[in-house]
Structure formats: structure tokens, C-alpha cells
Amino acid sequence: YTLASAREELDIARKNRGAGIGVFVFSKRMA
């Protein structure tokens, strides 16, 4: 995952859950 792909997946997650704000949590070792 990159920052760009994380934002893309977070955009889908916000639409899928009807949320206005999204938080993407990376594992420290995989960030």
C-alpha cells in the first residue's frame, strides 16, 4: 500500500459506509 492507494481505498470505504471522514490505520511495520 502507498499513500495514494490508501486514499483511494479510504474514499471507497467512506462511500460504502456513508461516512464523511475516513481514518486509514497502517501497521507500523508495513507503513
PDB file of all heavy atoms in Angstrom:
ATOM      1  N   TYR A   1       0.840  -1.199   0.000  1.00  0.00           N
ATOM      2  CA  TYR A   1       0.000   0.000   0.000  1.00  0.00           C
ATOM      3  C   TYR A   1       0.873   1.247   0.000  1.00  0.00           C
ATOM      4  O   TYR A   1       1.876   1.312   0.712  1.00  0.00           O
ATOM      5  CB  TYR A   1      -0.920   0.020   1.219  1.00  0.00           C
ATOM      6  CG  TYR A   1      -2.173  -0.802   1.054  1.00  0.00           C
ATOM      7  CD1 TYR A   1      -2.188  -2.145   1.414  1.00  0.00           C
ATOM      8  CD2 TYR A   1      -3.340  -0.236   0.538  1.00  0.00           C
ATOM      9  CE1 TYR A   1      -3.338  -2.908   1.256  1.00  0.00           C
ATOM     10  CE2 TYR A   1      -4.497  -0.981   0.384  1.00  0.00           C
ATOM     11  CZ  TYR A   1      -4.495  -2.324   0.738  1.00  0.00           C
ATOM     12  OH  TYR A   1      -5.624  -3.068   0.597  1.00  0.00           O
ATOM     13  N   THR A   2       0.457   2.233  -0.792  1.00  0.00           N
ATOM     14  CA  THR A   2       1.084   3.553  -0.776  1.00  0.00           C
ATOM     15  C   THR A   2       0.075   4.544  -0.224  1.00  0.00           C
ATOM     16  O   THR A   2      -1.094   4.204   0.033  1.00  0.00           O
ATOM     17  CB  THR A   2       1.518   3.969  -2.184  1.00  0.00           C
ATOM     18  OG1 THR A   2       0.363   4.057  -3.023  1.00  0.00           O
ATOM     19  CG2 THR A   2       2.493   2.947  -2.781  1.00  0.00           C
ATOM     20  N   LEU A   3       0.523   5.791  -0.037  1.00  0.00           N
ATOM     21  CA  LEU A   3      -0.396   6.815   0.444  1.00  0.00           C
ATOM     22  C   LEU A   3      -1.527   7.043  -0.545  1.00  0.00           C
ATOM     23  O   LEU A   3      -2.693   7.238  -0.156  1.00  0.00           O
ATOM     24  CB  LEU A   3       0.365   8.119   0.715  1.00  0.00           C
ATOM     25  CG  LEU A   3       1.376   8.083   1.866  1.00  0.00           C
ATOM     26  CD1 LEU A   3       2.108   9.416   1.955  1.00  0.00           C
ATOM     27  CD2 LEU A   3       0.671   7.784   3.174  1.00  0.00           C
ATOM     28  N   ALA A   4      -1.202   6.993  -1.845  1.00  0.00           N
ATOM     29  CA  ALA A   4      -2.232   7.214  -2.862  1.00  0.00           C
ATOM     30  C   ALA A   4      -3.248   6.075  -2.861  1.00  0.00           C
ATOM     31  O   ALA A   4      -4.459   6.301  -2.875  1.00  0.00           O
ATOM     32  CB  ALA A   4      -1.581   7.353  -4.239  1.00  0.00           C
ATOM     33  N   SER A   5      -2.762   4.812  -2.836  1.00  0.00           N
ATOM     34  CA  SER A   5      -3.698   3.680  -2.839  1.00  0.00           C
ATOM     35  C   SER A   5      -4.501   3.636  -1.542  1.00  0.00           C
ATOM     36  O   SER A   5      -5.675   3.240  -1.545  1.00  0.00           O
ATOM     37  CB  SER A   5      -2.931   2.377  -3.030  1.00  0.00           C
ATOM     38  OG  SER A   5      -1.988   2.200  -1.970  1.00  0.00           O
ATOM     39  N   ALA A   6      -3.893   4.055  -0.436  1.00  0.00           N
ATOM     40  CA  ALA A   6      -4.623   4.115   0.826  1.00  0.00           C
ATOM     41  C   ALA A   6      -5.756   5.135   0.747  1.00  0.00           C
ATOM     42  O   ALA A   6      -6.876   4.887   1.220  1.00  0.00           O
ATOM     43  CB  ALA A   6      -3.682   4.449   1.971  1.00  0.00           C
ATOM     44  N   ARG A   7      -5.510   6.284   0.135  1.00  0.00           N
ATOM     45  CA  ARG A   7      -6.557   7.303  -0.001  1.00  0.00           C
ATOM     46  C   ARG A   7      -7.667   6.820  -0.921  1.00  0.00           C
ATOM     47  O   ARG A   7      -8.848   7.084  -0.672  1.00  0.00           O
ATOM     48  CB  ARG A   7      -5.959   8.600  -0.526  1.00  0.00           C
ATOM     49  CG  ARG A   7      -5.016   9.307   0.438  1.00  0.00           C
ATOM     50  CD  ARG A   7      -4.749  10.735  -0.016  1.00  0.00           C
ATOM     51  NE  ARG A   7      -5.979  11.516  -0.047  1.00  0.00           N
ATOM     52  CZ  ARG A   7      -6.088  12.713  -0.629  1.00  0.00           C
ATOM     53  NH1 ARG A   7      -5.042  13.253  -1.230  1.00  0.00           N
ATOM     54  NH2 ARG A   7      -7.246  13.358  -0.613  1.00  0.00           N
ATOM     55  N   GLU A   8      -7.283   6.088  -1.989  1.00  0.00           N
ATOM     56  CA  GLU A   8      -8.313   5.556  -2.886  1.00  0.00           C
ATOM     57  C   GLU A   8      -9.216   4.563  -2.150  1.00  0.00           C
ATOM     58  O   GLU A   8     -10.448   4.606  -2.265  1.00  0.00           O
ATOM     59  CB  GLU A   8      -7.649   4.881  -4.090  1.00  0.00           C
ATOM     60  CG  GLU A   8      -6.931   5.855  -5.019  1.00  0.00           C
ATOM     61  CD  GLU A   8      -6.200   5.130  -6.140  1.00  0.00           C
ATOM     62  OE1 GLU A   8      -6.278   3.878  -6.177  1.00  0.00           O
ATOM     63  OE2 GLU A   8      -5.580   5.801  -6.984  1.00  0.00           O
ATOM     64  N   GLU A   9      -8.612   3.661  -1.376  1.00  0.00           N
ATOM     65  CA  GLU A   9      -9.410   2.691  -0.642  1.00  0.00           C
ATOM     66  C   GLU A   9     -10.235   3.375   0.449  1.00  0.00           C
ATOM     67  O   GLU A   9     -11.371   2.972   0.723  1.00  0.00           O
ATOM     68  CB  GLU A   9      -8.497   1.627  -0.027  1.00  0.00           C
ATOM     69  CG  GLU A   9      -9.261   0.525   0.677  1.00  0.00           C
ATOM     70  CD  GLU A   9      -8.427  -0.721   0.854  1.00  0.00           C
ATOM     71  OE1 GLU A   9      -7.383  -0.845   0.186  1.00  0.00           O
ATOM     72  OE2 GLU A   9      -8.827  -1.572   1.666  1.00  0.00           O
ATOM     73  N   LEU A  10      -9.682   4.422   1.048  1.00  0.00           N
ATOM     74  CA  LEU A  10     -10.421   5.142   2.076  1.00  0.00           C
ATOM     75  C   LEU A  10     -11.614   5.890   1.474  1.00  0.00           C
ATOM     76  O   LEU A  10     -12.674   6.007   2.104  1.00  0.00           O
ATOM     77  CB  LEU A  10      -9.481   6.108   2.796  1.00  0.00           C
ATOM     78  CG  LEU A  10      -9.947   6.647   4.149  1.00  0.00           C
ATOM     79  CD1 LEU A  10     -10.229   5.500   5.106  1.00  0.00           C
ATOM     80  CD2 LEU A  10      -8.882   7.556   4.746  1.00  0.00           C
ATOM     81  N   ASP A  11     -11.474   6.372   0.234  1.00  0.00           N
ATOM     82  CA  ASP A  11     -12.582   7.054  -0.439  1.00  0.00           C
ATOM     83  C   ASP A  11     -13.736   6.062  -0.686  1.00  0.00           C
ATOM     84  O   ASP A  11     -14.907   6.386  -0.464  1.00  0.00           O
ATOM     85  CB  ASP A  11     -12.095   7.661  -1.760  1.00  0.00           C
ATOM     86  CG  ASP A  11     -13.192   8.425  -2.473  1.00  0.00           C
ATOM     87  OD1 ASP A  11     -13.735   9.385  -1.887  1.00  0.00           O
ATOM     88  OD2 ASP A  11     -13.529   8.039  -3.612  1.00  0.00           O
ATOM     89  N   ILE A  12     -13.366   4.832  -1.101  1.00  0.00           N
ATOM     90  CA  ILE A  12     -14.405   3.802  -1.308  1.00  0.00           C
ATOM     91  C   ILE A  12     -15.050   3.448   0.027  1.00  0.00           C
ATOM     92  O   ILE A  12     -16.276   3.258   0.115  1.00  0.00           O
ATOM     93  CB  ILE A  12     -13.779   2.551  -1.964  1.00  0.00           C
ATOM     94  CG1 ILE A  12     -13.216   2.911  -3.345  1.00  0.00           C
ATOM     95  CG2 ILE A  12     -14.806   1.442  -2.085  1.00  0.00           C
ATOM     96  CD1 ILE A  12     -12.462   1.777  -4.008  1.00  0.00           C
ATOM     97  N   ALA A  13     -14.245   3.339   1.101  1.00  0.00           N
ATOM     98  CA  ALA A  13     -14.780   2.986   2.414  1.00  0.00           C
ATOM     99  C   ALA A  13     -15.741   4.055   2.912  1.00  0.00           C
ATOM    100  O   ALA A  13     -16.787   3.741   3.511  1.00  0.00           O
ATOM    101  CB  ALA A  13     -13.635   2.797   3.405  1.00  0.00           C
ATOM    102  N   ARG A  14     -15.436   5.343   2.683  1.00  0.00           N
ATOM    103  CA  ARG A  14     -16.341   6.412   3.115  1.00  0.00           C
ATOM    104  C   ARG A  14     -17.676   6.337   2.380  1.00  0.00           C
ATOM    105  O   ARG A  14     -18.742   6.484   2.985  1.00  0.00           O
ATOM    106  CB  ARG A  14     -15.688   7.775   2.899  1.00  0.00           C
ATOM    107  CG  ARG A  14     -14.642   8.122   3.958  1.00  0.00           C
ATOM    108  CD  ARG A  14     -14.201   9.568   3.906  1.00  0.00           C
ATOM    109  NE  ARG A  14     -13.296   9.840   2.795  1.00  0.00           N
ATOM    110  CZ  ARG A  14     -13.623  10.462   1.673  1.00  0.00           C
ATOM    111  NH1 ARG A  14     -14.856  10.882   1.495  1.00  0.00           N
ATOM    112  NH2 ARG A  14     -12.737  10.657   0.707  1.00  0.00           N
ATOM    113  N   LYS A  15     -17.613   6.076   1.075  1.00  0.00           N
ATOM    114  CA  LYS A  15     -18.858   5.959   0.313  1.00  0.00           C
ATOM    115  C   LYS A  15     -19.627   4.707   0.724  1.00  0.00           C
ATOM    116  O   LYS A  15     -20.858   4.737   0.809  1.00  0.00           O
ATOM    117  CB  LYS A  15     -18.537   5.912  -1.174  1.00  0.00           C
ATOM    118  CG  LYS A  15     -17.942   7.215  -1.708  1.00  0.00           C
ATOM    119  CD  LYS A  15     -17.568   7.076  -3.174  1.00  0.00           C
ATOM    120  CE  LYS A  15     -16.948   8.376  -3.709  1.00  0.00           C
ATOM    121  NZ  LYS A  15     -16.551   8.238  -5.138  1.00  0.00           N
ATOM    122  N   ASN A  16     -18.912   3.619   0.967  1.00  0.00           N
ATOM    123  CA  ASN A  16     -19.583   2.366   1.300  1.00  0.00           C
ATOM    124  C   ASN A  16     -20.273   2.431   2.656  1.00  0.00           C
ATOM    125  O   ASN A  16     -21.318   1.790   2.868  1.00  0.00           O
ATOM    126  CB  ASN A  16     -18.551   1.225   1.305  1.00  0.00           C
ATOM    127  CG  ASN A  16     -19.200  -0.141   1.435  1.00  0.00           C
ATOM    128  OD1 ASN A  16     -20.273  -0.380   0.881  1.00  0.00           O
ATOM    129  ND2 ASN A  16     -18.561  -1.029   2.168  1.00  0.00           N
ATOM    130  N   ARG A  17     -19.689   3.185   3.605  1.00  0.00           N
ATOM    131  CA  ARG A  17     -20.266   3.251   4.944  1.00  0.00           C
ATOM    132  C   ARG A  17     -21.037   4.548   5.201  1.00  0.00           C
ATOM    133  O   ARG A  17     -21.538   4.759   6.314  1.00  0.00           O
ATOM    134  CB  ARG A  17     -19.149   3.123   5.990  1.00  0.00           C
ATOM    135  CG  ARG A  17     -18.340   1.834   5.870  1.00  0.00           C
ATOM    136  CD  ARG A  17     -19.218   0.610   6.045  1.00  0.00           C
ATOM    137  NE  ARG A  17     -18.439  -0.621   5.840  1.00  0.00           N
ATOM    138  CZ  ARG A  17     -18.965  -1.836   5.872  1.00  0.00           C
ATOM    139  NH1 ARG A  17     -20.262  -1.979   6.086  1.00  0.00           N
ATOM    140  NH2 ARG A  17     -18.219  -2.906   5.664  1.00  0.00           N
ATOM    141  N   GLY A  18     -21.124   5.428   4.179  1.00  0.00           N
ATOM    142  CA  GLY A  18     -21.870   6.669   4.362  1.00  0.00           C
ATOM    143  C   GLY A  18     -21.235   7.587   5.380  1.00  0.00           C
ATOM    144  O   GLY A  18     -21.939   8.269   6.132  1.00  0.00           O
ATOM    145  N   ALA A  19     -19.898   7.623   5.419  1.00  0.00           N
ATOM    146  CA  ALA A  19     -19.171   8.434   6.397  1.00  0.00           C
ATOM    147  C   ALA A  19     -18.608   9.669   5.725  1.00  0.00           C
ATOM    148  O   ALA A  19     -18.242   9.656   4.542  1.00  0.00           O
ATOM    149  CB  ALA A  19     -18.049   7.626   7.028  1.00  0.00           C
ATOM    150  N   GLY A  20     -18.511  10.737   6.498  1.00  0.00           N
ATOM    151  CA  GLY A  20     -17.952  11.967   5.967  1.00  0.00           C
ATOM    152  C   GLY A  20     -16.446  12.044   6.123  1.00  0.00           C
ATOM    153  O   GLY A  20     -15.764  12.690   5.342  1.00  0.00           O
ATOM    154  N   ILE A  21     -15.886  11.393   7.133  1.00  0.00           N
ATOM    155  CA  ILE A  21     -14.448  11.430   7.420  1.00  0.00           C
ATOM    156  C   ILE A  21     -13.946   9.990   7.474  1.00  0.00           C
ATOM    157  O   ILE A  21     -14.624   9.078   7.980  1.00  0.00           O
ATOM    158  CB  ILE A  21     -14.155  12.135   8.761  1.00  0.00           C
ATOM    159  CG1 ILE A  21     -14.754  13.543   8.759  1.00  0.00           C
ATOM    160  CG2 ILE A  21     -12.651  12.199   9.022  1.00  0.00           C
ATOM    161  CD1 ILE A  21     -14.166  14.465   7.705  1.00  0.00           C
ATOM    162  N   GLY A  22     -12.736   9.782   6.954  1.00  0.00           N
ATOM    163  CA  GLY A  22     -12.136   8.450   6.968  1.00  0.00           C
ATOM    164  C   GLY A  22     -10.769   8.461   7.620  1.00  0.00           C
ATOM    165  O   GLY A  22      -9.997   9.417   7.452  1.00  0.00           O
ATOM    166  N   VAL A  23     -10.472   7.383   8.364  1.00  0.00           N
ATOM    167  CA  VAL A  23      -9.165   7.219   9.018  1.00  0.00           C
ATOM    168  C   VAL A  23      -8.574   5.897   8.541  1.00  0.00           C
ATOM    169  O   VAL A  23      -9.202   4.835   8.709  1.00  0.00           O
ATOM    170  CB  VAL A  23      -9.300   7.216  10.552  1.00  0.00           C
ATOM    171  CG1 VAL A  23      -7.922   6.988  11.190  1.00  0.00           C
ATOM    172  CG2 VAL A  23      -9.901   8.515  11.047  1.00  0.00           C
ATOM    173  N   PHE A  24      -7.381   5.971   7.945  1.00  0.00           N
ATOM    174  CA  PHE A  24      -6.676   4.774   7.464  1.00  0.00           C
ATOM    175  C   PHE A  24      -5.506   4.494   8.420  1.00  0.00           C
ATOM    176  O   PHE A  24      -4.628   5.343   8.584  1.00  0.00           O
ATOM    177  CB  PHE A  24      -6.152   4.992   6.045  1.00  0.00           C
ATOM    178  CG  PHE A  24      -5.763   3.722   5.330  1.00  0.00           C
ATOM    179  CD1 PHE A  24      -6.630   3.112   4.446  1.00  0.00           C
ATOM    180  CD2 PHE A  24      -4.531   3.127   5.569  1.00  0.00           C
ATOM    181  CE1 PHE A  24      -6.283   1.947   3.786  1.00  0.00           C
ATOM    182  CE2 PHE A  24      -4.177   1.963   4.929  1.00  0.00           C
ATOM    183  CZ  PHE A  24      -5.052   1.364   4.030  1.00  0.00           C
ATOM    184  N   VAL A  25      -5.514   3.316   9.036  1.00  0.00           N
ATOM    185  CA  VAL A  25      -4.503   2.960  10.037  1.00  0.00           C
ATOM    186  C   VAL A  25      -3.570   1.919   9.430  1.00  0.00           C
ATOM    187  O   VAL A  25      -3.980   0.789   9.140  1.00  0.00           O
ATOM    188  CB  VAL A  25      -5.154   2.413  11.325  1.00  0.00           C
ATOM    189  CG1 VAL A  25      -4.074   2.133  12.364  1.00  0.00           C
ATOM    190  CG2 VAL A  25      -6.178   3.400  11.866  1.00  0.00           C
ATOM    191  N   PHE A  26      -2.298   2.306   9.232  1.00  0.00           N
ATOM    192  CA  PHE A  26      -1.264   1.386   8.777  1.00  0.00           C
ATOM    193  C   PHE A  26      -0.616   0.685   9.960  1.00  0.00           C
ATOM    194  O   PHE A  26      -0.462   1.283  11.034  1.00  0.00           O
ATOM    195  CB  PHE A  26      -0.173   2.153   8.020  1.00  0.00           C
ATOM    196  CG  PHE A  26      -0.441   2.317   6.552  1.00  0.00           C
ATOM    197  CD1 PHE A  26      -0.771   3.571   6.044  1.00  0.00           C
ATOM    198  CD2 PHE A  26      -0.386   1.245   5.692  1.00  0.00           C
ATOM    199  CE1 PHE A  26      -1.014   3.734   4.698  1.00  0.00           C
ATOM    200  CE2 PHE A  26      -0.632   1.405   4.340  1.00  0.00           C
ATOM    201  CZ  PHE A  26      -0.953   2.645   3.834  1.00  0.00           C
ATOM    202  N   SER A  27      -0.240  -0.563   9.781  1.00  0.00           N
ATOM    203  CA  SER A  27       0.664  -1.189  10.745  1.00  0.00           C
ATOM    204  C   SER A  27       2.024  -0.512  10.663  1.00  0.00           C
ATOM    205  O   SER A  27       2.489  -0.194   9.562  1.00  0.00           O
ATOM    206  CB  SER A  27       0.805  -2.690  10.460  1.00  0.00           C
ATOM    207  OG  SER A  27       1.810  -3.251  11.274  1.00  0.00           O
ATOM    208  N   LYS A  28       2.647  -0.268  11.798  1.00  0.00           N
ATOM    209  CA  LYS A  28       3.923   0.452  11.822  1.00  0.00           C
ATOM    210  C   LYS A  28       4.974  -0.244  10.971  1.00  0.00           C
ATOM    211  O   LYS A  28       5.773   0.397  10.307  1.00  0.00           O
ATOM    212  CB  LYS A  28       4.394   0.565  13.287  1.00  0.00           C
ATOM    213  CG  LYS A  28       5.690   1.355  13.464  1.00  0.00           C
ATOM    214  CD  LYS A  28       5.499   2.811  13.173  1.00  0.00           C
ATOM    215  CE  LYS A  28       6.765   3.614  13.491  1.00  0.00           C
ATOM    216  NZ  LYS A  28       6.616   5.026  13.162  1.00  0.00           N
ATOM    217  N   ARG A  29       4.926  -1.584  10.976  1.00  0.00           N
ATOM    218  CA  ARG A  29       5.943  -2.330  10.215  1.00  0.00           C
ATOM    219  C   ARG A  29       5.664  -2.323   8.723  1.00  0.00           C
ATOM    220  O   ARG A  29       6.576  -2.543   7.930  1.00  0.00           O
ATOM    221  CB  ARG A  29       6.004  -3.765  10.731  1.00  0.00           C
ATOM    222  CG  ARG A  29       6.626  -3.889  12.117  1.00  0.00           C
ATOM    223  CD  ARG A  29       6.501  -5.288  12.659  1.00  0.00           C
ATOM    224  NE  ARG A  29       5.120  -5.580  13.030  1.00  0.00           N
ATOM    225  CZ  ARG A  29       4.709  -6.724  13.520  1.00  0.00           C
ATOM    226  NH1 ARG A  29       5.568  -7.703  13.678  1.00  0.00           N
ATOM    227  NH2 ARG A  29       3.436  -6.912  13.838  1.00  0.00           N
ATOM    228  N   MET A  30       4.409  -2.127   8.325  1.00  0.00           N
ATOM    229  CA  MET A  30       4.055  -2.175   6.915  1.00  0.00           C
ATOM    230  C   MET A  30       3.759  -0.793   6.337  1.00  0.00           C
ATOM    231  O   MET A  30       3.320  -0.691   5.189  1.00  0.00           O
ATOM    232  CB  MET A  30       2.816  -3.069   6.734  1.00  0.00           C
ATOM    233  CG  MET A  30       3.023  -4.504   7.187  1.00  0.00           C
ATOM    234  SD  MET A  30       4.293  -5.321   6.198  1.00  0.00           S
ATOM    235  CE  MET A  30       4.274  -6.960   6.959  1.00  0.00           C
ATOM    236  N   ALA A  31       3.960   0.264   7.109  1.00  0.00           N
ATOM    237  CA  ALA A  31       3.639   1.609   6.641  1.00  0.00           C
ATOM    238  C   ALA A  31       4.589   2.027   5.523  1.00  0.00           C
ATOM    239  O   ALA A  31       5.771   1.666   5.529  1.00  0.00           O
ATOM    240  CB  ALA A  31       3.721   2.595   7.802  1.00  0.00           C
TER     241      ALA A  31
END
